[in-house]
Amino acid sequence: MPNSPHSQFPMKDVENKIQHMMSVLSDRLDLLSDDNLEFIRATLEPLYQDVRVFQAIEEAENNFNPGDTLTRDEAIEYLLYM
């Protein structure tokens, strides 16, 4: 995937950092207030979802061949004539 625009973004690094933060936090959960826990969840959840989306994009880029999918314009044209 050397030509992929996503290959330049170190998603594995982000994923590793999130896992590290979660392991550090798991040892200290009892020390945190409910407000702090909610703040942490609200902060980490979008990051986790971003990692999942980028993983899905990378998987799709690795599994689809040219011609397997439609371009945006092809999809719109197809929908207009259905």
N, C-alpha and C. Protein backbone atom coordinates (compact mmCIF):
# COMPACT_ATOMS: atom_id res chain seq x y z
N MET A 1 0.82 -1.19 0.00
CA MET A 1 0.00 0.00 0.00
C MET A 1 0.87 1.26 0.00
N PRO A 2 1.97 1.27 -0.73
CA PRO A 2 2.85 2.42 -0.70
C PRO A 2 2.23 3.68 -1.28
N ASN A 3 1.28 3.56 -2.21
CA ASN A 3 0.69 4.74 -2.83
C ASN A 3 -0.55 5.23 -2.10
N SER A 4 -0.93 4.55 -1.05
CA SER A 4 -2.12 4.92 -0.31
C SER A 4 -1.90 6.22 0.46
N PRO A 5 -2.89 7.14 0.40
CA PRO A 5 -2.74 8.37 1.19
C PRO A 5 -2.79 8.09 2.68
N HIS A 6 -3.35 6.96 3.06
CA HIS A 6 -3.47 6.63 4.48
C HIS A 6 -2.22 5.96 5.02
N SER A 7 -1.37 5.46 4.12
CA SER A 7 -0.18 4.74 4.59
C SER A 7 0.82 5.68 5.25
N GLN A 8 0.70 6.99 5.00
CA GLN A 8 1.61 7.95 5.60
C GLN A 8 1.21 8.26 7.04
N PHE A 9 -0.01 7.96 7.41
CA PHE A 9 -0.50 8.23 8.75
C PHE A 9 -0.23 7.01 9.61
N PRO A 10 0.53 7.15 10.68
CA PRO A 10 0.94 5.98 11.49
C PRO A 10 -0.19 5.48 12.39
N MET A 11 -1.21 4.84 11.81
CA MET A 11 -2.35 4.38 12.59
C MET A 11 -1.94 3.37 13.65
N LYS A 12 -0.96 2.55 13.36
CA LYS A 12 -0.52 1.56 14.35
C LYS A 12 0.03 2.28 15.58
N ASP A 13 0.73 3.39 15.38
CA ASP A 13 1.25 4.17 16.51
C ASP A 13 0.10 4.72 17.36
N VAL A 14 -0.93 5.24 16.70
CA VAL A 14 -2.08 5.78 17.42
C VAL A 14 -2.77 4.66 18.20
N GLU A 15 -2.95 3.52 17.54
CA GLU A 15 -3.59 2.39 18.20
C GLU A 15 -2.78 1.93 19.41
N ASN A 16 -1.47 1.86 19.27
CA ASN A 16 -0.61 1.46 20.39
C ASN A 16 -0.68 2.46 21.54
N LYS A 17 -0.73 3.75 21.22
CA LYS A 17 -0.82 4.76 22.27
C LYS A 17 -2.15 4.67 23.02
N ILE A 18 -3.23 4.42 22.28
CA ILE A 18 -4.54 4.27 22.93
C ILE A 18 -4.52 3.06 23.85
N GLN A 19 -3.97 1.95 23.37
CA GLN A 19 -3.89 0.75 24.20
C GLN A 19 -3.05 1.00 25.45
N HIS A 20 -1.95 1.73 25.29
CA HIS A 20 -1.10 2.05 26.44
C HIS A 20 -1.86 2.91 27.44
N MET A 21 -2.55 3.94 26.95
CA MET A 21 -3.33 4.80 27.85
C MET A 21 -4.39 4.00 28.59
N MET A 22 -5.04 3.08 27.88
CA MET A 22 -6.07 2.27 28.52
C MET A 22 -5.48 1.36 29.59
N SER A 23 -4.31 0.81 29.34
CA SER A 23 -3.70 -0.06 30.35
C SER A 23 -3.26 0.74 31.57
N VAL A 24 -2.75 1.96 31.36
CA VAL A 24 -2.37 2.81 32.48
C VAL A 24 -3.62 3.22 33.27
N LEU A 25 -4.67 3.59 32.55
CA LEU A 25 -5.90 4.02 33.22
C LEU A 25 -6.57 2.87 33.97
N SER A 26 -6.50 1.67 33.42
CA SER A 26 -7.19 0.55 34.07
C SER A 26 -6.64 0.28 35.46
N ASP A 27 -5.38 0.60 35.68
CA ASP A 27 -4.79 0.42 37.01
C ASP A 27 -5.22 1.50 37.99
N ARG A 28 -5.79 2.57 37.48
CA ARG A 28 -6.13 3.72 38.33
C ARG A 28 -7.62 4.09 38.29
N LEU A 29 -8.45 3.22 37.76
CA LEU A 29 -9.86 3.54 37.61
C LEU A 29 -10.54 3.87 38.94
N ASP A 30 -10.17 3.17 39.98
CA ASP A 30 -10.79 3.41 41.28
C ASP A 30 -10.46 4.79 41.84
N LEU A 31 -9.39 5.39 41.36
CA LEU A 31 -8.97 6.70 41.87
C LEU A 31 -9.65 7.86 41.14
N LEU A 32 -10.32 7.58 40.03
CA LEU A 32 -10.90 8.64 39.21
C LEU A 32 -12.37 8.87 39.56
N SER A 33 -12.76 10.13 39.49
CA SER A 33 -14.16 10.47 39.73
C SER A 33 -14.99 10.09 38.50
N ASP A 34 -16.29 10.04 38.68
CA ASP A 34 -17.18 9.73 37.56
C ASP A 34 -17.05 10.76 36.44
N ASP A 35 -16.88 12.03 36.82
CA ASP A 35 -16.71 13.08 35.81
C ASP A 35 -15.43 12.86 35.00
N ASN A 36 -14.37 12.49 35.69
CA ASN A 36 -13.11 12.22 34.98
C ASN A 36 -13.24 11.01 34.07
N LEU A 37 -13.92 9.97 34.53
CA LEU A 37 -14.12 8.79 33.70
C LEU A 37 -14.93 9.12 32.45
N GLU A 38 -15.95 9.93 32.62
CA GLU A 38 -16.77 10.33 31.47
C GLU A 38 -15.96 11.16 30.49
N PHE A 39 -15.13 12.05 31.00
CA PHE A 39 -14.27 12.86 30.14
C PHE A 39 -13.30 11.97 29.36
N ILE A 40 -12.71 11.00 30.03
CA ILE A 40 -11.77 10.09 29.37
C ILE A 40 -12.49 9.29 28.29
N ARG A 41 -13.68 8.77 28.62
CA ARG A 41 -14.44 8.01 27.64
C ARG A 41 -14.79 8.87 26.43
N ALA A 42 -15.25 10.08 26.70
CA ALA A 42 -15.64 10.99 25.62
C ALA A 42 -14.45 11.37 24.75
N THR A 43 -13.27 11.38 25.32
CA THR A 43 -12.05 11.72 24.57
C THR A 43 -11.55 10.53 23.76
N LEU A 44 -11.56 9.36 24.36
CA LEU A 44 -10.98 8.18 23.71
C LEU A 44 -11.91 7.54 22.68
N GLU A 45 -13.20 7.63 22.88
CA GLU A 45 -14.13 6.96 21.97
C GLU A 45 -13.99 7.42 20.52
N PRO A 46 -13.97 8.72 20.24
CA PRO A 46 -13.79 9.14 18.84
C PRO A 46 -12.44 8.70 18.26
N LEU A 47 -11.41 8.71 19.08
CA LEU A 47 -10.10 8.25 18.60
C LEU A 47 -10.15 6.78 18.24
N TYR A 48 -10.78 5.99 19.08
CA TYR A 48 -10.92 4.56 18.82
C TYR A 48 -11.72 4.34 17.53
N GLN A 49 -12.79 5.10 17.36
CA GLN A 49 -13.61 4.96 16.15
C GLN A 49 -12.81 5.36 14.91
N ASP A 50 -11.99 6.40 15.02
CA ASP A 50 -11.14 6.80 13.89
C ASP A 50 -10.18 5.69 13.51
N VAL A 51 -9.59 5.05 14.51
CA VAL A 51 -8.68 3.93 14.24
C VAL A 51 -9.42 2.83 13.50
N ARG A 52 -10.63 2.51 13.95
CA ARG A 52 -11.42 1.46 13.29
C ARG A 52 -11.74 1.83 11.84
N VAL A 53 -12.09 3.09 11.59
CA VAL A 53 -12.40 3.53 10.22
C VAL A 53 -11.16 3.42 9.34
N PHE A 54 -10.02 3.88 9.83
CA PHE A 54 -8.79 3.79 9.04
C PHE A 54 -8.39 2.34 8.80
N GLN A 55 -8.62 1.47 9.77
CA GLN A 55 -8.34 0.05 9.55
C GLN A 55 -9.23 -0.51 8.45
N ALA A 56 -10.50 -0.13 8.44
CA ALA A 56 -11.42 -0.60 7.41
C ALA A 56 -11.02 -0.07 6.04
N ILE A 57 -10.59 1.19 5.98
CA ILE A 57 -10.13 1.77 4.71
C ILE A 57 -8.91 1.02 4.20
N GLU A 58 -7.96 0.76 5.09
CA GLU A 58 -6.75 0.04 4.69
C GLU A 58 -7.09 -1.37 4.22
N GLU A 59 -8.01 -2.03 4.91
CA GLU A 59 -8.41 -3.38 4.51
C GLU A 59 -9.08 -3.35 3.14
N ALA A 60 -9.94 -2.37 2.92
CA ALA A 60 -10.60 -2.25 1.62
C ALA A 60 -9.59 -1.98 0.51
N GLU A 61 -8.63 -1.12 0.79
CA GLU A 61 -7.60 -0.82 -0.22
C GLU A 61 -6.79 -2.07 -0.56
N ASN A 62 -6.59 -2.94 0.42
CA ASN A 62 -5.82 -4.16 0.19
C ASN A 62 -6.64 -5.24 -0.50
N ASN A 63 -7.97 -5.21 -0.36
CA ASN A 63 -8.80 -6.30 -0.87
C ASN A 63 -9.51 -6.00 -2.17
N PHE A 64 -9.70 -4.74 -2.52
CA PHE A 64 -10.41 -4.41 -3.74
C PHE A 64 -9.43 -4.22 -4.88
N ASN A 65 -9.84 -4.69 -6.04
CA ASN A 65 -9.06 -4.51 -7.26
C ASN A 65 -9.71 -3.43 -8.11
N PRO A 66 -8.95 -2.83 -9.02
CA PRO A 66 -9.56 -1.85 -9.92
C PRO A 66 -10.76 -2.48 -10.64
N GLY A 67 -11.86 -1.76 -10.66
CA GLY A 67 -13.07 -2.26 -11.30
C GLY A 67 -14.02 -2.95 -10.35
N ASP A 68 -13.60 -3.25 -9.13
CA ASP A 68 -14.47 -3.91 -8.15
C ASP A 68 -15.50 -2.94 -7.58
N THR A 69 -15.19 -1.66 -7.59
CA THR A 69 -16.09 -0.67 -7.00
C THR A 69 -16.38 0.43 -8.02
N LEU A 70 -17.40 1.21 -7.74
CA LEU A 70 -17.75 2.34 -8.59
C LEU A 70 -17.11 3.61 -8.06
N THR A 71 -16.81 4.52 -8.97
CA THR A 71 -16.41 5.85 -8.54
C THR A 71 -17.65 6.58 -8.05
N ARG A 72 -17.47 7.71 -7.43
CA ARG A 72 -18.61 8.49 -6.95
C ARG A 72 -19.53 8.85 -8.11
N ASP A 73 -18.95 9.33 -9.21
CA ASP A 73 -19.74 9.72 -10.38
C ASP A 73 -20.48 8.53 -10.98
N GLU A 74 -19.82 7.37 -11.05
CA GLU A 74 -20.48 6.18 -11.58
C GLU A 74 -21.65 5.77 -10.70
N ALA A 75 -21.47 5.86 -9.40
CA ALA A 75 -22.54 5.48 -8.47
C ALA A 75 -23.73 6.42 -8.61
N ILE A 76 -23.48 7.71 -8.73
CA ILE A 76 -24.57 8.68 -8.90
C ILE A 76 -25.31 8.42 -10.21
N GLU A 77 -24.56 8.20 -11.27
CA GLU A 77 -25.18 7.92 -12.57
C GLU A 77 -26.03 6.65 -12.50
N TYR A 78 -25.51 5.63 -11.85
CA TYR A 78 -26.25 4.38 -11.70
C TYR A 78 -27.55 4.61 -10.93
N LEU A 79 -27.48 5.38 -9.84
CA LEU A 79 -28.67 5.64 -9.03
C LEU A 79 -29.71 6.46 -9.79
N LEU A 80 -29.27 7.36 -10.64
CA LEU A 80 -30.20 8.19 -11.40
C LEU A 80 -30.99 7.37 -12.42
N TYR A 81 -30.42 6.30 -12.91
CA TYR A 81 -31.07 5.51 -13.95
C TYR A 81 -31.67 4.22 -13.43
N MET A 82 -31.79 4.09 -12.13
CA MET A 82 -32.42 2.88 -11.56
C MET A 82 -33.91 2.94 -11.70
